[in-house]
PDB file of N, CA and C in Angstrom:
ATOM      1  N   UNK A   1      30.625  14.319  10.875  1.00  0.00           N
ATOM      2  CA  UNK A   1      30.121  13.548  11.604  1.00  0.00           C
ATOM      3  C   UNK A   1      31.311  12.555  12.111  1.00  0.00           C
ATOM      4  N   UNK A   2      30.895  12.436  13.403  1.00  0.00           N
ATOM      5  CA  UNK A   2      31.840  11.474  14.769  1.00  0.00           C
ATOM      6  C   UNK A   2      31.227  10.257  14.622  1.00  0.00           C
ATOM      7  N   UNK A   3      32.059   9.227  15.164  1.00  0.00           N
ATOM      8  CA  UNK A   3      31.984   7.745  15.050  1.00  0.00           C
ATOM      9  C   UNK A   3      30.713   7.450  15.822  1.00  0.00           C
ATOM     10  N   UNK A   4      30.807   7.886  16.712  1.00  0.00           N
ATOM     11  CA  UNK A   4      29.511   8.002  17.618  1.00  0.00           C
ATOM     12  C   UNK A   4      28.134   8.237  16.952  1.00  0.00           C
ATOM     13  N   UNK A   5      28.032   9.314  16.417  1.00  0.00           N
ATOM     14  CA  UNK A   5      27.118   9.826  15.932  1.00  0.00           C
ATOM     15  C   UNK A   5      26.704   8.995  14.482  1.00  0.00           C
ATOM     16  N   UNK A   6      27.835   8.765  13.756  1.00  0.00           N
ATOM     17  CA  UNK A   6      27.259   7.911  12.729  1.00  0.00           C
ATOM     18  C   UNK A   6      26.765   6.716  12.907  1.00  0.00           C
ATOM     19  N   UNK A   7      27.235   6.031  14.052  1.00  0.00           N
ATOM     20  CA  UNK A   7      26.914   4.591  14.815  1.00  0.00           C
ATOM     21  C   UNK A   7      25.118   4.793  14.990  1.00  0.00           C
ATOM     22  N   UNK A   8      24.910   5.907  15.835  1.00  0.00           N
ATOM     23  CA  UNK A   8      23.712   6.163  16.036  1.00  0.00           C
ATOM     24  C   UNK A   8      22.522   6.218  14.974  1.00  0.00           C
ATOM     25  N   UNK A   9      23.229   6.896  14.148  1.00  0.00           N
ATOM     26  CA  UNK A   9      22.351   7.301  12.710  1.00  0.00           C
ATOM     27  C   UNK A   9      22.334   6.168  12.002  1.00  0.00           C
ATOM     28  N   UNK A  10      23.132   5.382  11.969  1.00  0.00           N
ATOM     29  CA  UNK A  10      23.147   3.825  11.103  1.00  0.00           C
ATOM     30  C   UNK A  10      22.306   2.971  11.970  1.00  0.00           C
ATOM     31  N   UNK A  11      22.119   2.995  13.230  1.00  0.00           N
ATOM     32  CA  UNK A  11      21.077   2.062  13.806  1.00  0.00           C
ATOM     33  C   UNK A  11      19.764   2.709  13.862  1.00  0.00           C
ATOM     34  N   UNK A  12      19.685   4.211  13.844  1.00  0.00           N
ATOM     35  CA  UNK A  12      18.133   4.446  13.527  1.00  0.00           C
ATOM     36  C   UNK A  12      17.731   3.887  12.381  1.00  0.00           C
ATOM     37  N   UNK A  13      18.428   3.834  11.212  1.00  0.00           N
ATOM     38  CA  UNK A  13      18.080   4.052   9.890  1.00  0.00           C
ATOM     39  C   UNK A  13      17.811   2.157   9.634  1.00  0.00           C
ATOM     40  N   UNK A  14      18.375   1.757  10.751  1.00  0.00           N
ATOM     41  CA  UNK A  14      18.473   0.101  10.679  1.00  0.00           C
ATOM     42  C   UNK A  14      17.202  -0.234  11.347  1.00  0.00           C
ATOM     43  N   UNK A  15      17.134   0.120  12.221  1.00  0.00           N
ATOM     44  CA  UNK A  15      15.796   0.187  13.125  1.00  0.00           C
ATOM     45  C   UNK A  15      14.249   0.681  12.322  1.00  0.00           C
ATOM     46  N   UNK A  16      14.596   1.899  11.835  1.00  0.00           N
ATOM     47  CA  UNK A  16      13.520   2.169  10.860  1.00  0.00           C
ATOM     48  C   UNK A  16      13.341   1.113   9.982  1.00  0.00           C
ATOM     49  N   UNK A  17      14.160   0.818   8.858  1.00  0.00           N
ATOM     50  CA  UNK A  17      14.057  -0.180   8.155  1.00  0.00           C
ATOM     51  C   UNK A  17      13.417  -1.555   8.689  1.00  0.00           C
ATOM     52  N   UNK A  18      13.542  -1.524   9.547  1.00  0.00           N
ATOM     53  CA  UNK A  18      13.195  -3.161  10.033  1.00  0.00           C
ATOM     54  C   UNK A  18      11.694  -2.950  10.572  1.00  0.00           C
ATOM     55  N   UNK A  19      11.395  -1.645  11.360  1.00  0.00           N
ATOM     56  CA  UNK A  19      10.079  -1.392  11.636  1.00  0.00           C
ATOM     57  C   UNK A  19       9.288  -1.565  10.145  1.00  0.00           C
ATOM     58  N   UNK A  20       9.745  -0.876   9.032  1.00  0.00           N
ATOM     59  CA  UNK A  20       9.014  -0.767   8.127  1.00  0.00           C
ATOM     60  C   UNK A  20       8.467  -2.122   7.656  1.00  0.00           C
ATOM     61  N   UNK A  21       9.702  -2.902   7.560  1.00  0.00           N
ATOM     62  CA  UNK A  21       9.707  -4.277   6.566  1.00  0.00           C
ATOM     63  C   UNK A  21       8.430  -5.073   7.631  1.00  0.00           C
ATOM     64  N   UNK A  22       8.642  -5.278   8.724  1.00  0.00           N
ATOM     65  CA  UNK A  22       7.429  -5.687   9.507  1.00  0.00           C
ATOM     66  C   UNK A  22       6.282  -5.374   9.782  1.00  0.00           C
ATOM     67  N   UNK A  23       5.929  -3.831   9.551  1.00  0.00           N
ATOM     68  CA  UNK A  23       4.643  -3.551   9.291  1.00  0.00           C
ATOM     69  C   UNK A  23       4.164  -3.991   7.959  1.00  0.00           C
ATOM     70  N   UNK A  24       4.701  -3.664   6.836  1.00  0.00           N
ATOM     71  CA  UNK A  24       4.523  -3.960   5.710  1.00  0.00           C
ATOM     72  C   UNK A  24       4.425  -5.343   5.405  1.00  0.00           C
ATOM     73  N   UNK A  25       5.456  -5.874   6.098  1.00  0.00           N
ATOM     74  CA  UNK A  25       5.557  -7.498   5.517  1.00  0.00           C
ATOM     75  C   UNK A  25       4.689  -8.639   6.430  1.00  0.00           C
ATOM     76  N   UNK A  26       4.884  -8.154   7.534  1.00  0.00           N
ATOM     77  CA  UNK A  26       4.022  -9.178   8.651  1.00  0.00           C
ATOM     78  C   UNK A  26       2.784  -8.610   9.288  1.00  0.00           C
ATOM     79  N   UNK A  27       2.674  -7.372   9.692  1.00  0.00           N
ATOM     80  CA  UNK A  27       1.735  -6.986  10.290  1.00  0.00           C
ATOM     81  C   UNK A  27       0.165  -6.720   9.263  1.00  0.00           C
ATOM     82  N   UNK A  28       0.908  -6.562   8.342  1.00  0.00           N
ATOM     83  CA  UNK A  28      -0.313  -6.561   7.060  1.00  0.00           C
ATOM     84  C   UNK A  28      -1.239  -7.716   6.801  1.00  0.00           C
ATOM     85  N   UNK A  29      -0.782  -9.276   7.129  1.00  0.00           N
ATOM     86  CA  UNK A  29      -1.450  -9.954   6.928  1.00  0.00           C
ATOM     87  C   UNK A  29      -2.816  -9.773   8.441  1.00  0.00           C
ATOM     88  N   UNK A  30      -2.492  -9.147   9.263  1.00  0.00           N
ATOM     89  CA  UNK A  30      -3.722  -9.379  10.049  1.00  0.00           C
ATOM     90  C   UNK A  30      -4.311  -8.199   9.863  1.00  0.00           C
ATOM     91  N   UNK A  31      -4.663  -7.358   8.559  1.00  0.00           N
ATOM     92  CA  UNK A  31      -5.382  -6.339   8.774  1.00  0.00           C
ATOM     93  C   UNK A  31      -6.839  -7.220   8.079  1.00  0.00           C
ATOM     94  N   UNK A  32      -7.740  -6.069   8.692  1.00  0.00           N
ATOM     95  CA  UNK A  32      -9.205  -6.508   8.235  1.00  0.00           C
ATOM     96  C   UNK A  32      -9.168  -6.858   6.405  1.00  0.00           C
ATOM     97  N   UNK A  33      -9.944  -7.801   6.148  1.00  0.00           N
ATOM     98  CA  UNK A  33     -10.314  -8.407   4.821  1.00  0.00           C
ATOM     99  C   UNK A  33     -11.942  -7.418   4.604  1.00  0.00           C
ATOM    100  N   UNK A  34     -12.221  -6.922   5.485  1.00  0.00           N
ATOM    101  CA  UNK A  34     -13.850  -6.338   5.235  1.00  0.00           C
ATOM    102  C   UNK A  34     -13.653  -4.842   4.498  1.00  0.00           C
ATOM    103  N   UNK A  35     -14.875  -4.562   4.009  1.00  0.00           N
ATOM    104  CA  UNK A  35     -14.539  -3.390   3.298  1.00  0.00           C
ATOM    105  C   UNK A  35     -14.548  -2.017   4.026  1.00  0.00           C
ATOM    106  N   UNK A  36     -13.709  -1.304   3.982  1.00  0.00           N
ATOM    107  CA  UNK A  36     -13.643  -0.141   4.607  1.00  0.00           C
ATOM    108  C   UNK A  36     -14.717   0.721   4.955  1.00  0.00           C
ATOM    109  N   UNK A  37     -14.187   2.000   5.311  1.00  0.00           N
ATOM    110  CA  UNK A  37     -15.556   2.460   5.839  1.00  0.00           C
ATOM    111  C   UNK A  37     -16.553   3.358   4.280  1.00  0.00           C
ATOM    112  N   UNK A  38     -15.670   3.369   3.024  1.00  0.00           N
ATOM    113  CA  UNK A  38     -16.378   4.010   1.903  1.00  0.00           C
ATOM    114  C   UNK A  38     -16.905   2.945   1.344  1.00  0.00           C
ATOM    115  N   UNK A  39     -16.332   1.720   1.180  1.00  0.00           N
ATOM    116  CA  UNK A  39     -16.707   0.313   0.356  1.00  0.00           C
ATOM    117  C   UNK A  39     -18.000  -0.005   1.392  1.00  0.00           C
ATOM    118  N   UNK A  40     -18.241   0.108   2.585  1.00  0.00           N
ATOM    119  CA  UNK A  40     -19.688  -0.105   3.355  1.00  0.00           C
ATOM    120  C   UNK A  40     -20.352   0.767   3.221  1.00  0.00           C
ATOM    121  N   UNK A  41     -20.097   1.842   3.243  1.00  0.00           N
ATOM    122  CA  UNK A  41     -21.320   2.880   2.975  1.00  0.00           C
ATOM    123  C   UNK A  41     -22.121   3.085   1.677  1.00  0.00           C
ATOM    124  N   UNK A  42     -20.736   2.609   0.287  1.00  0.00           N
ATOM    125  CA  UNK A  42     -21.463   2.528  -0.702  1.00  0.00           C
ATOM    126  C   UNK A  42     -22.340   0.926  -0.915  1.00  0.00           C
ATOM    127  N   UNK A  43     -22.040   0.196  -0.044  1.00  0.00           N
ATOM    128  CA  UNK A  43     -22.859  -1.126  -0.361  1.00  0.00           C
ATOM    129  C   UNK A  43     -24.155  -1.057   0.724  1.00  0.00           C
ATOM    130  N   UNK A  44     -24.172  -0.297   1.456  1.00  0.00           N
ATOM    131  CA  UNK A  44     -25.608  -0.425   2.030  1.00  0.00           C
ATOM    132  C   UNK A  44     -26.695   0.206   1.658  1.00  0.00           C
ATOM    133  N   UNK A  45     -27.814  -0.788   1.562  1.00  0.00           N
ATOM    134  CA  UNK A  45     -28.703  -1.189   0.951  1.00  0.00           C
ATOM    135  C   UNK A  45     -29.099  -2.366  -0.267  1.00  0.00           C
ATOM    136  N   UNK A  46     -27.412  -2.604  -0.195  1.00  0.00           N
ATOM    137  CA  UNK A  46     -27.668  -4.081  -1.152  1.00  0.00           C
ATOM    138  C   UNK A  46     -27.214  -5.505  -0.603  1.00  0.00           C
ATOM    139  N   UNK A  47     -26.866  -6.254  -0.887  1.00  0.00           N
ATOM    140  CA  UNK A  47     -26.792  -7.622  -0.731  1.00  0.00           C
ATOM    141  C   UNK A  47     -25.517  -8.140  -1.627  1.00  0.00           C
ATOM    142  N   UNK A  48     -24.514  -8.741  -1.349  1.00  0.00           N
ATOM    143  CA  UNK A  48     -23.650  -9.487  -2.073  1.00  0.00           C
ATOM    144  C   UNK A  48     -24.058 -10.805  -2.299  1.00  0.00           C
ATOM    145  N   UNK A  49     -24.080 -11.372  -3.779  1.00  0.00           N
ATOM    146  CA  UNK A  49     -24.814 -12.749  -3.766  1.00  0.00           C
ATOM    147  C   UNK A  49     -23.619 -13.256  -4.943  1.00  0.00           C
ATOM    148  N   UNK A  50     -22.931 -14.559  -4.385  1.00  0.00           N
ATOM    149  CA  UNK A  50     -22.107 -15.478  -5.156  1.00  0.00           C
ATOM    150  C   UNK A  50     -23.064 -15.546  -6.034  1.00  0.00           C
ATOM    151  N   UNK A  51     -22.513 -15.909  -7.393  1.00  0.00           N
ATOM    152  CA  UNK A  51     -22.884 -16.777  -8.477  1.00  0.00           C
ATOM    153  C   UNK A  51     -22.362 -17.196  -9.445  1.00  0.00           C
ATOM    154  N   UNK A  52     -22.415 -17.926 -10.732  1.00  0.00           N
ATOM    155  CA  UNK A  52     -21.753 -18.344 -11.459  1.00  0.00           C
ATOM    156  C   UNK A  52     -20.607 -17.376 -12.372  1.00  0.00           C
ATOM    157  N   UNK A  53     -21.142 -16.179 -12.349  1.00  0.00           N
ATOM    158  CA  UNK A  53     -20.346 -15.513 -12.847  1.00  0.00           C
ATOM    159  C   UNK A  53     -19.694 -14.446 -12.213  1.00  0.00           C
ATOM    160  N   UNK A  54     -19.352 -14.854 -10.865  1.00  0.00           N
ATOM    161  CA  UNK A  54     -18.879 -14.208  -9.899  1.00  0.00           C
ATOM    162  C   UNK A  54     -20.265 -13.308  -8.930  1.00  0.00           C
ATOM    163  N   UNK A  55     -19.706 -12.178  -8.374  1.00  0.00           N
ATOM    164  CA  UNK A  55     -20.461 -11.656  -7.157  1.00  0.00           C
ATOM    165  C   UNK A  55     -21.434 -10.675  -7.848  1.00  0.00           C
ATOM    166  N   UNK A  56     -22.577 -10.764  -7.561  1.00  0.00           N
ATOM    167  CA  UNK A  56     -23.399  -9.706  -8.260  1.00  0.00           C
ATOM    168  C   UNK A  56     -24.334  -8.905  -6.763  1.00  0.00           C
ATOM    169  N   UNK A  57     -24.584  -7.877  -6.906  1.00  0.00           N
ATOM    170  CA  UNK A  57     -25.410  -6.982  -6.235  1.00  0.00           C
ATOM    171  C   UNK A  57     -26.627  -7.040  -6.115  1.00  0.00           C
ATOM    172  N   UNK A  58     -27.479  -7.317  -5.465  1.00  0.00           N
ATOM    173  CA  UNK A  58     -29.269  -7.322  -5.313  1.00  0.00           C
ATOM    174  C   UNK A  58     -29.640  -6.222  -4.373  1.00  0.00           C
ATOM    175  N   UNK A  59     -30.660  -5.769  -4.870  1.00  0.00           N
ATOM    176  CA  UNK A  59     -31.366  -4.070  -3.911  1.00  0.00           C
ATOM    177  C   UNK A  59     -30.778  -3.219  -4.565  1.00  0.00           C
ATOM    178  N   UNK A  60     -30.232  -1.989  -3.756  1.00  0.00           N
ATOM    179  CA  UNK A  60     -30.526  -0.452  -4.547  1.00  0.00           C
ATOM    180  C   UNK A  60     -29.533  -0.061  -3.475  1.00  0.00           C
ATOM    181  N   UNK A  61     -28.053   0.411  -4.421  1.00  0.00           N
ATOM    182  CA  UNK A  61     -27.100   0.947  -3.201  1.00  0.00           C
ATOM    183  C   UNK A  61     -26.280   1.616  -4.568  1.00  0.00           C
ATOM    184  N   UNK A  62     -25.245   2.687  -4.375  1.00  0.00           N
ATOM    185  CA  UNK A  62     -24.377   3.547  -4.747  1.00  0.00           C
ATOM    186  C   UNK A  62     -23.556   2.208  -5.574  1.00  0.00           C
ATOM    187  N   UNK A  63     -22.969   1.514  -4.513  1.00  0.00           N
ATOM    188  CA  UNK A  63     -21.946   0.499  -5.524  1.00  0.00           C
ATOM    189  C   UNK A  63     -22.680  -0.359  -7.034  1.00  0.00           C
ATOM    190  N   UNK A  64     -23.807  -0.255  -7.196  1.00  0.00           N
ATOM    191  CA  UNK A  64     -24.411  -0.732  -8.659  1.00  0.00           C
ATOM    192  C   UNK A  64     -23.965   0.117  -9.373  1.00  0.00           C
ATOM    193  N   UNK A  65     -23.768   0.953  -9.274  1.00  0.00           N
ATOM    194  CA  UNK A  65     -23.442   1.916 -10.598  1.00  0.00           C
ATOM    195  C   UNK A  65     -21.701   2.271 -10.776  1.00  0.00           C
ATOM    196  N   UNK A  66     -20.875   1.556  -9.804  1.00  0.00           N
ATOM    197  CA  UNK A  66     -19.621   1.485  -9.720  1.00  0.00           C
ATOM    198  C   UNK A  66     -18.938   0.598 -11.028  1.00  0.00           C
ATOM    199  N   UNK A  67     -17.843   1.054 -11.629  1.00  0.00           N
ATOM    200  CA  UNK A  67     -17.435   0.260 -12.657  1.00  0.00           C
ATOM    201  C   UNK A  67     -16.064   0.275 -12.198  1.00  0.00           C
ATOM    202  N   UNK A  68     -15.330  -1.029 -13.077  1.00  0.00           N
ATOM    203  CA  UNK A  68     -13.586  -1.155 -12.842  1.00  0.00           C
ATOM    204  C   UNK A  68     -12.942  -0.166 -13.002  1.00  0.00           C
ATOM    205  N   UNK A  69     -11.841   0.494 -11.732  1.00  0.00           N
ATOM    206  CA  UNK A  69     -10.764   1.160 -12.037  1.00  0.00           C
ATOM    207  C   UNK A  69      -9.959   0.712 -12.893  1.00  0.00           C
ATOM    208  N   UNK A  70      -9.502   2.312 -13.747  1.00  0.00           N
ATOM    209  CA  UNK A  70      -8.240   1.629 -14.735  1.00  0.00           C
ATOM    210  C   UNK A  70      -7.086   0.943 -14.398  1.00  0.00           C
ATOM    211  N   UNK A  71      -6.972   1.224 -13.188  1.00  0.00           N
ATOM    212  CA  UNK A  71      -5.750   0.624 -12.505  1.00  0.00           C
ATOM    213  C   UNK A  71      -5.611  -0.690 -11.773  1.00  0.00           C
ATOM    214  N   UNK A  72      -7.205  -1.458 -11.892  1.00  0.00           N
ATOM    215  CA  UNK A  72      -7.515  -2.556 -11.074  1.00  0.00           C
ATOM    216  C   UNK A  72      -6.664  -3.697 -11.309  1.00  0.00           C
ATOM    217  N   UNK A  73      -5.810  -3.951 -12.757  1.00  0.00           N
ATOM    218  CA  UNK A  73      -4.862  -4.493 -13.706  1.00  0.00           C
ATOM    219  C   UNK A  73      -3.750  -4.613 -13.253  1.00  0.00           C
ATOM    220  N   UNK A  74      -3.256  -3.341 -12.479  1.00  0.00           N
ATOM    221  CA  UNK A  74      -1.854  -3.393 -12.276  1.00  0.00           C
ATOM    222  C   UNK A  74      -1.303  -4.432 -11.417  1.00  0.00           C
ATOM    223  N   UNK A  75      -0.076  -4.698 -11.569  1.00  0.00           N
ATOM    224  CA  UNK A  75       0.485  -5.489 -10.786  1.00  0.00           C
ATOM    225  C   UNK A  75       0.112  -5.525  -9.220  1.00  0.00           C
ATOM    226  N   UNK A  76      -0.331  -4.555  -8.629  1.00  0.00           N
ATOM    227  CA  UNK A  76      -0.177  -4.544  -7.301  1.00  0.00           C
ATOM    228  C   UNK A  76      -1.748  -4.055  -6.997  1.00  0.00           C
ATOM    229  N   UNK A  77      -2.733  -4.094  -7.767  1.00  0.00           N
ATOM    230  CA  UNK A  77      -4.006  -3.821  -7.129  1.00  0.00           C
ATOM    231  C   UNK A  77      -4.413  -4.915  -6.109  1.00  0.00           C
ATOM    232  N   UNK A  78      -5.504  -4.001  -5.782  1.00  0.00           N
ATOM    233  CA  UNK A  78      -6.139  -4.954  -4.358  1.00  0.00           C
ATOM    234  C   UNK A  78      -5.167  -5.273  -3.156  1.00  0.00           C
ATOM    235  N   UNK A  79      -3.971  -4.695  -3.065  1.00  0.00           N
ATOM    236  CA  UNK A  79      -2.667  -4.939  -2.395  1.00  0.00           C
ATOM    237  C   UNK A  79      -2.135  -6.398  -2.043  1.00  0.00           C
ATOM    238  N   UNK A  80      -2.511  -6.865  -3.552  1.00  0.00           N
ATOM    239  CA  UNK A  80      -1.603  -8.208  -3.835  1.00  0.00           C
ATOM    240  C   UNK A  80      -0.715  -7.965  -4.961  1.00  0.00           C
ATOM    241  N   UNK A  81       0.216  -9.060  -5.035  1.00  0.00           N
ATOM    242  CA  UNK A  81       1.081  -9.044  -6.315  1.00  0.00           C
ATOM    243  C   UNK A  81       0.399  -9.798  -7.009  1.00  0.00           C
ATOM    244  N   UNK A  82       0.040  -9.422  -8.692  1.00  0.00           N
ATOM    245  CA  UNK A  82      -0.630  -9.748  -9.932  1.00  0.00           C
ATOM    246  C   UNK A  82      -1.725 -10.800  -9.435  1.00  0.00           C
ATOM    247  N   UNK A  83      -2.767 -10.300  -8.133  1.00  0.00           N
ATOM    248  CA  UNK A  83      -3.785 -10.874  -7.833  1.00  0.00           C
ATOM    249  C   UNK A  83      -3.838 -11.990  -6.942  1.00  0.00           C
ATOM    250  N   UNK A  84      -3.086 -12.591  -6.330  1.00  0.00           N
ATOM    251  CA  UNK A  84      -2.469 -13.584  -5.763  1.00  0.00           C
ATOM    252  C   UNK A  84      -3.038 -13.006  -4.556  1.00  0.00           C
ATOM    253  N   UNK A  85      -4.086 -13.736  -3.785  1.00  0.00           N
ATOM    254  CA  UNK A  85      -4.514 -13.375  -2.203  1.00  0.00           C
ATOM    255  C   UNK A  85      -3.119 -13.273  -1.129  1.00  0.00           C
ATOM    256  N   UNK A  86      -2.288 -14.104  -1.377  1.00  0.00           N
ATOM    257  CA  UNK A  86      -1.645 -14.885  -0.143  1.00  0.00           C
ATOM    258  C   UNK A  86      -0.516 -13.711  -0.186  1.00  0.00           C
ATOM    259  N   UNK A  87      -0.452 -12.841  -1.003  1.00  0.00           N
ATOM    260  CA  UNK A  87       0.953 -12.046  -1.471  1.00  0.00           C
ATOM    261  C   UNK A  87       0.748 -10.520  -1.085  1.00  0.00           C
ATOM    262  N   UNK A  88      -0.234 -10.114   0.072  1.00  0.00           N
ATOM    263  CA  UNK A  88      -0.365  -8.635   0.668  1.00  0.00           C
ATOM    264  C   UNK A  88       1.041  -8.331   1.384  1.00  0.00           C
ATOM    265  N   UNK A  89       1.574  -9.140   1.848  1.00  0.00           N
ATOM    266  CA  UNK A  89       2.936  -8.791   2.442  1.00  0.00           C
ATOM    267  C   UNK A  89       3.898  -8.334   1.731  1.00  0.00           C
ATOM    268  N   UNK A  90       4.140  -9.018   0.726  1.00  0.00           N
ATOM    269  CA  UNK A  90       5.009  -8.675  -0.504  1.00  0.00           C
ATOM    270  C   UNK A  90       4.733  -7.385  -1.447  1.00  0.00           C
ATOM    271  N   UNK A  91       3.657  -7.586  -1.488  1.00  0.00           N
ATOM    272  CA  UNK A  91       2.790  -6.378  -2.093  1.00  0.00           C
ATOM    273  C   UNK A  91       3.266  -4.721  -1.257  1.00  0.00           C
ATOM    274  N   UNK A  92       3.061  -5.040   0.162  1.00  0.00           N
ATOM    275  CA  UNK A  92       3.296  -3.896   1.169  1.00  0.00           C
ATOM    276  C   UNK A  92       4.675  -3.630   1.284  1.00  0.00           C
ATOM    277  N   UNK A  93       5.982  -4.952   1.007  1.00  0.00           N
ATOM    278  CA  UNK A  93       6.937  -4.298   1.060  1.00  0.00           C
ATOM    279  C   UNK A  93       7.364  -3.829  -0.363  1.00  0.00           C
ATOM    280  N   UNK A  94       7.086  -4.041  -1.370  1.00  0.00           N
ATOM    281  CA  UNK A  94       7.168  -3.709  -2.770  1.00  0.00           C
ATOM    282  C   UNK A  94       6.803  -2.203  -2.500  1.00  0.00           C
ATOM    283  N   UNK A  95       5.593  -1.698  -2.458  1.00  0.00           N
ATOM    284  CA  UNK A  95       4.767  -0.490  -1.952  1.00  0.00           C
ATOM    285  C   UNK A  95       5.842   0.739  -1.260  1.00  0.00           C
ATOM    286  N   UNK A  96       6.697  -0.165  -0.001  1.00  0.00           N
ATOM    287  CA  UNK A  96       7.533   0.614   0.815  1.00  0.00           C
ATOM    288  C   UNK A  96       8.797   0.863  -0.005  1.00  0.00           C
ATOM    289  N   UNK A  97       8.979   0.070  -0.621  1.00  0.00           N
ATOM    290  CA  UNK A  97      10.375   0.568  -1.904  1.00  0.00           C
ATOM    291  C   UNK A  97      10.377   1.022  -2.833  1.00  0.00           C
ATOM    292  N   UNK A  98       8.887   1.244  -3.175  1.00  0.00           N
ATOM    293  CA  UNK A  98       8.961   2.302  -4.517  1.00  0.00           C
ATOM    294  C   UNK A  98       8.755   3.767  -3.285  1.00  0.00           C
ATOM    295  N   UNK A  99       8.011   3.522  -2.736  1.00  0.00           N
ATOM    296  CA  UNK A  99       7.655   5.361  -2.060  1.00  0.00           C
ATOM    297  C   UNK A  99       9.194   5.680  -1.506  1.00  0.00           C
ATOM    298  N   UNK A 100       9.983   4.443  -0.768  1.00  0.00           N
ATOM    299  CA  UNK A 100      11.185   4.959  -0.123  1.00  0.00           C
ATOM    300  C   UNK A 100      12.341   5.252  -1.427  1.00  0.00           C
ATOM    301  N   UNK A 101      12.136   4.637  -2.578  1.00  0.00           N
ATOM    302  CA  UNK A 101      12.665   4.772  -3.444  1.00  0.00           C
ATOM    303  C   UNK A 101      12.694   6.550  -4.397  1.00  0.00           C
ATOM    304  N   UNK A 102      10.966   6.758  -4.505  1.00  0.00           N
ATOM    305  CA  UNK A 102      10.887   8.012  -4.962  1.00  0.00           C
ATOM    306  C   UNK A 102      11.096   9.078  -3.994  1.00  0.00           C
ATOM    307  N   UNK A 103      10.655   9.133  -2.870  1.00  0.00           N
ATOM    308  CA  UNK A 103      11.020   9.904  -1.861  1.00  0.00           C
ATOM    309  C   UNK A 103      12.739  10.560  -1.470  1.00  0.00           C
ATOM    310  N   UNK A 104      13.282   9.085  -1.715  1.00  0.00           N
ATOM    311  CA  UNK A 104      14.882   9.311  -1.378  1.00  0.00           C
ATOM    312  C   UNK A 104      15.194  10.270  -2.669  1.00  0.00           C
ATOM    313  N   UNK A 105      15.222   9.620  -4.228  1.00  0.00           N
ATOM    314  CA  UNK A 105      15.182  10.133  -5.250  1.00  0.00           C
ATOM    315  C   UNK A 105      15.108  11.735  -5.396  1.00  0.00           C
ATOM    316  N   UNK A 106      13.629  11.974  -4.739  1.00  0.00           N
ATOM    317  CA  UNK A 106      13.468  13.396  -4.744  1.00  0.00           C
ATOM    318  C   UNK A 106      14.462  14.501  -3.836  1.00  0.00           C
ATOM    319  N   UNK A 107      14.861  13.577  -2.779  1.00  0.00           N
ATOM    320  CA  UNK A 107      15.208  14.287  -1.478  1.00  0.00           C
ATOM    321  C   UNK A 107      16.804  14.744  -2.157  1.00  0.00           C
ATOM    322  N   UNK A 108      17.463  13.389  -2.596  1.00  0.00           N
ATOM    323  CA  UNK A 108      18.637  13.586  -3.411  1.00  0.00           C
ATOM    324  C   UNK A 108      19.088  15.071  -4.547  1.00  0.00           C
ATOM    325  N   UNK A 109      17.731  14.894  -5.127  1.00  0.00           N
ATOM    326  CA  UNK A 109      17.656  15.929  -6.486  1.00  0.00           C
ATOM    327  C   UNK A 109      17.376  17.568  -5.541  1.00  0.00           C
ATOM    328  N   UNK A 110      16.397  17.747  -4.669  1.00  0.00           N
ATOM    329  CA  UNK A 110      16.263  18.852  -3.758  1.00  0.00           C
ATOM    330  C   UNK A 110      17.618  19.207  -3.195  1.00  0.00           C
ATOM    331  N   UNK A 111      18.243  18.240  -2.665  1.00  0.00           N
ATOM    332  CA  UNK A 111      19.880  18.656  -1.750  1.00  0.00           C
ATOM    333  C   UNK A 111      20.912  18.902  -2.583  1.00  0.00           C
ATOM    334  N   UNK A 112      20.576  18.184  -3.890  1.00  0.00           N
ATOM    335  CA  UNK A 112      21.784  18.654  -4.397  1.00  0.00           C
ATOM    336  C   UNK A 112      21.606  19.837  -5.280  1.00  0.00           C
ATOM    337  N   UNK A 113      20.278  20.411  -5.784  1.00  0.00           N
ATOM    338  CA  UNK A 113      20.120  21.533  -6.083  1.00  0.00           C
ATOM    339  C   UNK A 113      20.597  22.570  -5.373  1.00  0.00           C
ATOM    340  N   UNK A 114      20.139  22.448  -3.972  1.00  0.00           N
ATOM    341  CA  UNK A 114      20.327  23.482  -2.741  1.00  0.00           C
ATOM    342  C   UNK A 114      21.749  23.538  -2.552  1.00  0.00           C
ATOM    343  N   UNK A 115      22.773  22.718  -2.693  1.00  0.00           N
ATOM    344  CA  UNK A 115      24.264  22.675  -2.830  1.00  0.00           C
ATOM    345  C   UNK A 115      24.943  23.230  -3.692  1.00  0.00           C
ATOM    346  N   UNK A 116      24.045  23.271  -5.120  1.00  0.00           N
ATOM    347  CA  UNK A 116      24.967  23.838  -6.152  1.00  0.00           C
ATOM    348  C   UNK A 116      24.546  25.326  -6.235  1.00  0.00           C
ATOM    349  N   UNK A 117      23.425  25.769  -5.882  1.00  0.00           N
ATOM    350  CA  UNK A 117      22.843  27.141  -5.527  1.00  0.00           C
ATOM    351  C   UNK A 117      23.977  27.984  -4.706  1.00  0.00           C
ATOM    352  N   UNK A 118      24.050  27.114  -3.414  1.00  0.00           N
ATOM    353  CA  UNK A 118      24.748  28.029  -2.337  1.00  0.00           C
ATOM    354  C   UNK A 118      26.071  27.839  -2.229  1.00  0.00           C
TER     355      UNK A 118
END
C-alpha cells in the first residue's frame, strides 16, 4: 500500500468512526420516544393509564397479553444504560462498539483462516 492510498484509507476509517459516533451518540437523542409501528399496533384498542403501581392498560388489545422479555433487565435494555433515561446516546455508542468488535473479530478470523489455507 502506498503512502497516499494509506492516508486515504485512514481518513475513510476516521470519518466512518466519527459518523458512527455522531449518529449513535448525538442523533439518537432526537429519535422519537413514541411507540414504533409494532408497539402502536399492539396497543390499538387500549388506553395506557398511570396508577400508583405503574402503567396499566384498559380496554381490549393484544398488548394486554404481553409479558416482560427475559432480556428486559439487561444493561442496555430500552436503549439506555442500566435503565437511566438520559443515557440513550451512550447506549448507542456501546452498542456500536460491541457490534464493530464482534464483526471485526469475525472478519479477522475469516481472513486468517483464508490466509492459512491459501
